[in-house]
Amino acid sequence: AYLPRRAAASRLLHLAAPDGQVEDVLGELVDDAMSRGSTVLAGRLEPNLDAALRRRGAVMGFAREPVLHTRDSELGAALATGSSLLTQLDGEWFVA
C-alpha cells in the first residue's frame, strides 16, 4: 500500500510479501510507482527487503527513528524485537 505522487516522493505505507516473492512484489511496486510518475519511494525498511532493494540499486537513507510509548513493559519489549511488524497502516494517522 502506498500513496502515489506524480513528480514527487510517494509514501510507502506497507509492503509485505511471502518468502521467495519479495523480488516480485517489490518489482510490481516500483513499476507501478514509475508508471504513475513517482520520483522516489519513501518508507520504513524491513530487514527482509534489504537484499532485494540493494539488487535494484536502491539508495537508502535514514530520516528518523520510530517512537514507541507504552506503560506495559512486556509490550514494549515485544515491539522492540525484530520479529514485530507495525506499519503506518497500524497507527492512527498518516499524511497523504
N, C-alpha and C. Protein backbone atom coordinates (compact mmCIF):
# COMPACT_ATOMS: atom_id res chain seq x y z
N ALA A 1 0.85 -1.17 0.00
CA ALA A 1 0.00 0.00 0.00
C ALA A 1 0.90 1.23 0.00
N TYR A 2 0.62 2.14 -0.91
CA TYR A 2 1.40 3.37 -0.95
C TYR A 2 0.55 4.50 -1.48
N LEU A 3 1.01 5.72 -1.21
CA LEU A 3 0.32 6.92 -1.68
C LEU A 3 1.13 7.48 -2.84
N PRO A 4 0.70 7.24 -4.08
CA PRO A 4 1.46 7.70 -5.24
C PRO A 4 1.38 9.22 -5.41
N ARG A 5 2.50 9.79 -5.80
CA ARG A 5 2.56 11.23 -6.10
C ARG A 5 3.36 11.42 -7.37
N ARG A 6 2.77 12.12 -8.31
CA ARG A 6 3.44 12.39 -9.58
C ARG A 6 4.52 13.44 -9.36
N ALA A 7 5.70 13.18 -9.89
CA ALA A 7 6.85 14.10 -9.83
C ALA A 7 7.22 14.45 -8.39
N ALA A 8 7.05 13.48 -7.50
CA ALA A 8 7.38 13.71 -6.09
C ALA A 8 7.64 12.36 -5.42
N ALA A 9 7.94 12.42 -4.13
CA ALA A 9 8.16 11.19 -3.36
C ALA A 9 6.82 10.56 -2.99
N SER A 10 6.66 9.31 -3.34
CA SER A 10 5.48 8.56 -2.95
C SER A 10 5.75 7.89 -1.62
N ARG A 11 4.76 7.90 -0.74
CA ARG A 11 4.93 7.36 0.61
C ARG A 11 4.48 5.92 0.66
N LEU A 12 5.41 5.02 0.98
CA LEU A 12 5.11 3.60 1.13
C LEU A 12 4.58 3.38 2.54
N LEU A 13 3.37 2.86 2.64
CA LEU A 13 2.74 2.63 3.94
C LEU A 13 2.97 1.22 4.45
N HIS A 14 2.97 0.26 3.52
CA HIS A 14 3.13 -1.14 3.93
C HIS A 14 3.54 -1.98 2.73
N LEU A 15 4.57 -2.76 2.90
CA LEU A 15 5.00 -3.69 1.86
C LEU A 15 5.27 -5.03 2.53
N ALA A 16 4.54 -6.04 2.13
CA ALA A 16 4.73 -7.38 2.68
C ALA A 16 4.67 -8.39 1.54
N ALA A 17 5.46 -9.44 1.68
CA ALA A 17 5.48 -10.48 0.65
C ALA A 17 5.86 -11.81 1.30
N PRO A 18 5.31 -12.90 0.79
CA PRO A 18 5.71 -14.22 1.28
C PRO A 18 7.18 -14.48 0.95
N ASP A 19 7.82 -15.33 1.73
CA ASP A 19 9.20 -15.70 1.44
C ASP A 19 9.31 -16.18 0.00
N GLY A 20 10.34 -15.75 -0.68
CA GLY A 20 10.54 -16.16 -2.06
C GLY A 20 9.84 -15.28 -3.08
N GLN A 21 8.98 -14.36 -2.65
CA GLN A 21 8.27 -13.50 -3.59
C GLN A 21 8.56 -12.02 -3.37
N VAL A 22 9.53 -11.72 -2.51
CA VAL A 22 9.86 -10.33 -2.22
C VAL A 22 10.28 -9.59 -3.49
N GLU A 23 11.11 -10.21 -4.32
CA GLU A 23 11.58 -9.58 -5.55
C GLU A 23 10.40 -9.22 -6.46
N ASP A 24 9.45 -10.15 -6.61
CA ASP A 24 8.30 -9.92 -7.49
C ASP A 24 7.40 -8.80 -6.97
N VAL A 25 7.11 -8.81 -5.68
CA VAL A 25 6.23 -7.79 -5.10
C VAL A 25 6.90 -6.43 -5.16
N LEU A 26 8.18 -6.37 -4.83
CA LEU A 26 8.92 -5.12 -4.91
C LEU A 26 8.96 -4.61 -6.35
N GLY A 27 9.17 -5.50 -7.29
CA GLY A 27 9.19 -5.12 -8.71
C GLY A 27 7.87 -4.53 -9.16
N GLU A 28 6.75 -5.12 -8.75
CA GLU A 28 5.44 -4.58 -9.11
C GLU A 28 5.23 -3.20 -8.50
N LEU A 29 5.67 -3.03 -7.27
CA LEU A 29 5.55 -1.72 -6.61
C LEU A 29 6.34 -0.66 -7.38
N VAL A 30 7.59 -0.95 -7.68
CA VAL A 30 8.45 0.01 -8.38
C VAL A 30 7.88 0.31 -9.76
N ASP A 31 7.45 -0.71 -10.50
CA ASP A 31 6.88 -0.50 -11.83
C ASP A 31 5.64 0.39 -11.77
N ASP A 32 4.76 0.13 -10.80
CA ASP A 32 3.54 0.93 -10.67
C ASP A 32 3.88 2.38 -10.31
N ALA A 33 4.78 2.55 -9.37
CA ALA A 33 5.17 3.91 -8.95
C ALA A 33 5.79 4.68 -10.12
N MET A 34 6.64 4.03 -10.90
CA MET A 34 7.26 4.69 -12.05
C MET A 34 6.20 5.06 -13.09
N SER A 35 5.26 4.16 -13.32
CA SER A 35 4.23 4.44 -14.32
C SER A 35 3.33 5.60 -13.90
N ARG A 36 3.26 5.88 -12.61
CA ARG A 36 2.45 7.00 -12.11
C ARG A 36 3.27 8.28 -11.95
N GLY A 37 4.55 8.21 -12.32
CA GLY A 37 5.38 9.41 -12.29
C GLY A 37 6.08 9.69 -10.98
N SER A 38 6.10 8.73 -10.07
CA SER A 38 6.80 8.93 -8.80
C SER A 38 8.31 9.04 -9.05
N THR A 39 8.95 9.92 -8.33
CA THR A 39 10.39 10.07 -8.44
C THR A 39 11.13 9.28 -7.37
N VAL A 40 10.47 9.05 -6.24
CA VAL A 40 11.09 8.37 -5.09
C VAL A 40 10.01 7.59 -4.36
N LEU A 41 10.39 6.46 -3.79
CA LEU A 41 9.54 5.74 -2.86
C LEU A 41 10.17 5.88 -1.48
N ALA A 42 9.41 6.35 -0.52
CA ALA A 42 9.94 6.54 0.83
C ALA A 42 9.10 5.75 1.81
N GLY A 43 9.77 5.07 2.73
CA GLY A 43 9.06 4.29 3.74
C GLY A 43 10.04 3.59 4.65
N ARG A 44 9.51 2.79 5.53
CA ARG A 44 10.31 2.07 6.51
C ARG A 44 10.95 0.84 5.89
N LEU A 45 12.23 0.62 6.17
CA LEU A 45 12.95 -0.53 5.64
C LEU A 45 12.88 -1.69 6.61
N GLU A 46 12.32 -2.79 6.16
CA GLU A 46 12.32 -4.02 6.93
C GLU A 46 13.52 -4.85 6.49
N PRO A 47 14.14 -5.56 7.42
CA PRO A 47 15.36 -6.33 7.10
C PRO A 47 15.21 -7.29 5.93
N ASN A 48 14.03 -7.91 5.74
CA ASN A 48 13.88 -8.87 4.65
C ASN A 48 13.83 -8.21 3.28
N LEU A 49 13.74 -6.88 3.22
CA LEU A 49 13.73 -6.17 1.94
C LEU A 49 15.11 -5.67 1.53
N ASP A 50 16.05 -5.70 2.44
CA ASP A 50 17.37 -5.11 2.21
C ASP A 50 18.06 -5.66 0.95
N ALA A 51 18.16 -6.97 0.84
CA ALA A 51 18.88 -7.58 -0.29
C ALA A 51 18.19 -7.25 -1.62
N ALA A 52 16.86 -7.35 -1.65
CA ALA A 52 16.12 -7.06 -2.89
C ALA A 52 16.30 -5.61 -3.30
N LEU A 53 16.28 -4.70 -2.36
CA LEU A 53 16.47 -3.28 -2.67
C LEU A 53 17.89 -3.01 -3.17
N ARG A 54 18.87 -3.62 -2.55
CA ARG A 54 20.27 -3.43 -2.98
C ARG A 54 20.49 -3.96 -4.40
N ARG A 55 19.86 -5.10 -4.72
CA ARG A 55 20.00 -5.65 -6.09
C ARG A 55 19.40 -4.70 -7.13
N ARG A 56 18.42 -3.89 -6.73
CA ARG A 56 17.81 -2.92 -7.65
C ARG A 56 18.58 -1.60 -7.65
N GLY A 57 19.63 -1.51 -6.85
CA GLY A 57 20.43 -0.28 -6.80
C GLY A 57 19.75 0.84 -6.03
N ALA A 58 18.90 0.48 -5.09
CA ALA A 58 18.17 1.48 -4.31
C ALA A 58 19.13 2.28 -3.43
N VAL A 59 18.85 3.54 -3.30
CA VAL A 59 19.59 4.41 -2.38
C VAL A 59 18.77 4.47 -1.10
N MET A 60 19.41 4.15 0.01
CA MET A 60 18.69 4.13 1.28
C MET A 60 19.29 5.15 2.23
N GLY A 61 18.42 5.81 2.94
CA GLY A 61 18.85 6.77 3.95
C GLY A 61 17.97 6.63 5.17
N PHE A 62 18.40 7.23 6.24
CA PHE A 62 17.66 7.13 7.49
C PHE A 62 17.18 8.52 7.89
N ALA A 63 15.87 8.71 7.88
CA ALA A 63 15.29 10.02 8.16
C ALA A 63 15.03 10.22 9.65
N ARG A 64 14.55 9.18 10.31
CA ARG A 64 14.26 9.31 11.74
C ARG A 64 14.03 7.92 12.32
N GLU A 65 14.06 7.85 13.63
CA GLU A 65 13.80 6.58 14.29
C GLU A 65 12.36 6.57 14.79
N PRO A 66 11.75 5.40 14.84
CA PRO A 66 10.38 5.33 15.33
C PRO A 66 10.32 5.65 16.82
N VAL A 67 9.19 6.15 17.24
CA VAL A 67 8.96 6.45 18.65
C VAL A 67 7.87 5.52 19.16
N LEU A 68 8.13 4.87 20.26
CA LEU A 68 7.18 3.94 20.83
C LEU A 68 7.00 4.28 22.30
N HIS A 69 5.75 4.39 22.71
CA HIS A 69 5.48 4.67 24.13
C HIS A 69 4.41 3.71 24.63
N THR A 70 4.72 3.03 25.71
CA THR A 70 3.75 2.17 26.36
C THR A 70 4.10 2.07 27.84
N ARG A 71 3.10 1.93 28.65
CA ARG A 71 3.33 1.72 30.09
C ARG A 71 3.53 0.24 30.39
N ASP A 72 3.24 -0.60 29.41
CA ASP A 72 3.35 -2.05 29.57
C ASP A 72 4.75 -2.48 29.11
N SER A 73 5.61 -2.84 30.06
CA SER A 73 7.00 -3.17 29.71
C SER A 73 7.10 -4.42 28.83
N GLU A 74 6.21 -5.38 29.03
CA GLU A 74 6.24 -6.59 28.18
C GLU A 74 5.88 -6.25 26.74
N LEU A 75 4.89 -5.40 26.56
CA LEU A 75 4.51 -4.97 25.22
C LEU A 75 5.66 -4.20 24.57
N GLY A 76 6.29 -3.30 25.29
CA GLY A 76 7.42 -2.54 24.76
C GLY A 76 8.56 -3.45 24.34
N ALA A 77 8.86 -4.46 25.15
CA ALA A 77 9.92 -5.41 24.82
C ALA A 77 9.57 -6.21 23.57
N ALA A 78 8.31 -6.64 23.46
CA ALA A 78 7.88 -7.42 22.29
C ALA A 78 7.95 -6.59 21.01
N LEU A 79 7.54 -5.32 21.09
CA LEU A 79 7.55 -4.47 19.90
C LEU A 79 8.95 -4.05 19.49
N ALA A 80 9.90 -4.13 20.40
CA ALA A 80 11.27 -3.74 20.09
C ALA A 80 12.06 -4.85 19.42
N THR A 81 11.50 -6.03 19.28
CA THR A 81 12.22 -7.14 18.66
C THR A 81 12.12 -7.06 17.14
N GLY A 82 13.00 -7.75 16.48
CA GLY A 82 13.00 -7.79 15.02
C GLY A 82 11.84 -8.57 14.44
N SER A 83 11.14 -9.33 15.26
CA SER A 83 10.03 -10.14 14.74
C SER A 83 8.69 -9.41 14.78
N SER A 84 8.67 -8.20 15.33
CA SER A 84 7.42 -7.43 15.34
C SER A 84 7.30 -6.63 14.05
N LEU A 85 6.07 -6.31 13.69
CA LEU A 85 5.84 -5.52 12.48
C LEU A 85 4.68 -4.57 12.72
N LEU A 86 4.99 -3.29 12.75
CA LEU A 86 3.98 -2.25 12.81
C LEU A 86 4.23 -1.32 11.65
N THR A 87 3.20 -1.03 10.90
CA THR A 87 3.34 -0.12 9.77
C THR A 87 2.50 1.12 10.04
N GLN A 88 2.59 2.08 9.16
CA GLN A 88 1.78 3.28 9.30
C GLN A 88 0.30 2.96 9.22
N LEU A 89 -0.05 1.87 8.56
CA LEU A 89 -1.46 1.47 8.48
C LEU A 89 -1.98 1.03 9.84
N ASP A 90 -1.09 0.60 10.74
CA ASP A 90 -1.49 0.17 12.06
C ASP A 90 -1.68 1.33 13.03
N GLY A 91 -1.22 2.52 12.65
CA GLY A 91 -1.30 3.66 13.53
C GLY A 91 -2.58 4.45 13.34
N GLU A 92 -2.64 5.56 14.03
CA GLU A 92 -3.83 6.39 13.97
C GLU A 92 -3.80 7.39 12.83
N TRP A 93 -2.64 7.63 12.23
CA TRP A 93 -2.55 8.69 11.24
C TRP A 93 -1.46 8.40 10.22
N PHE A 94 -1.58 9.00 9.09
CA PHE A 94 -0.52 9.12 8.10
C PHE A 94 -0.88 10.29 7.21
N VAL A 95 0.15 10.88 6.62
CA VAL A 95 -0.05 12.09 5.82
C VAL A 95 -0.08 11.74 4.35
N ALA A 96 -1.10 12.15 3.66
CA ALA A 96 -1.22 11.86 2.23
C ALA A 96 -0.39 12.84 1.43
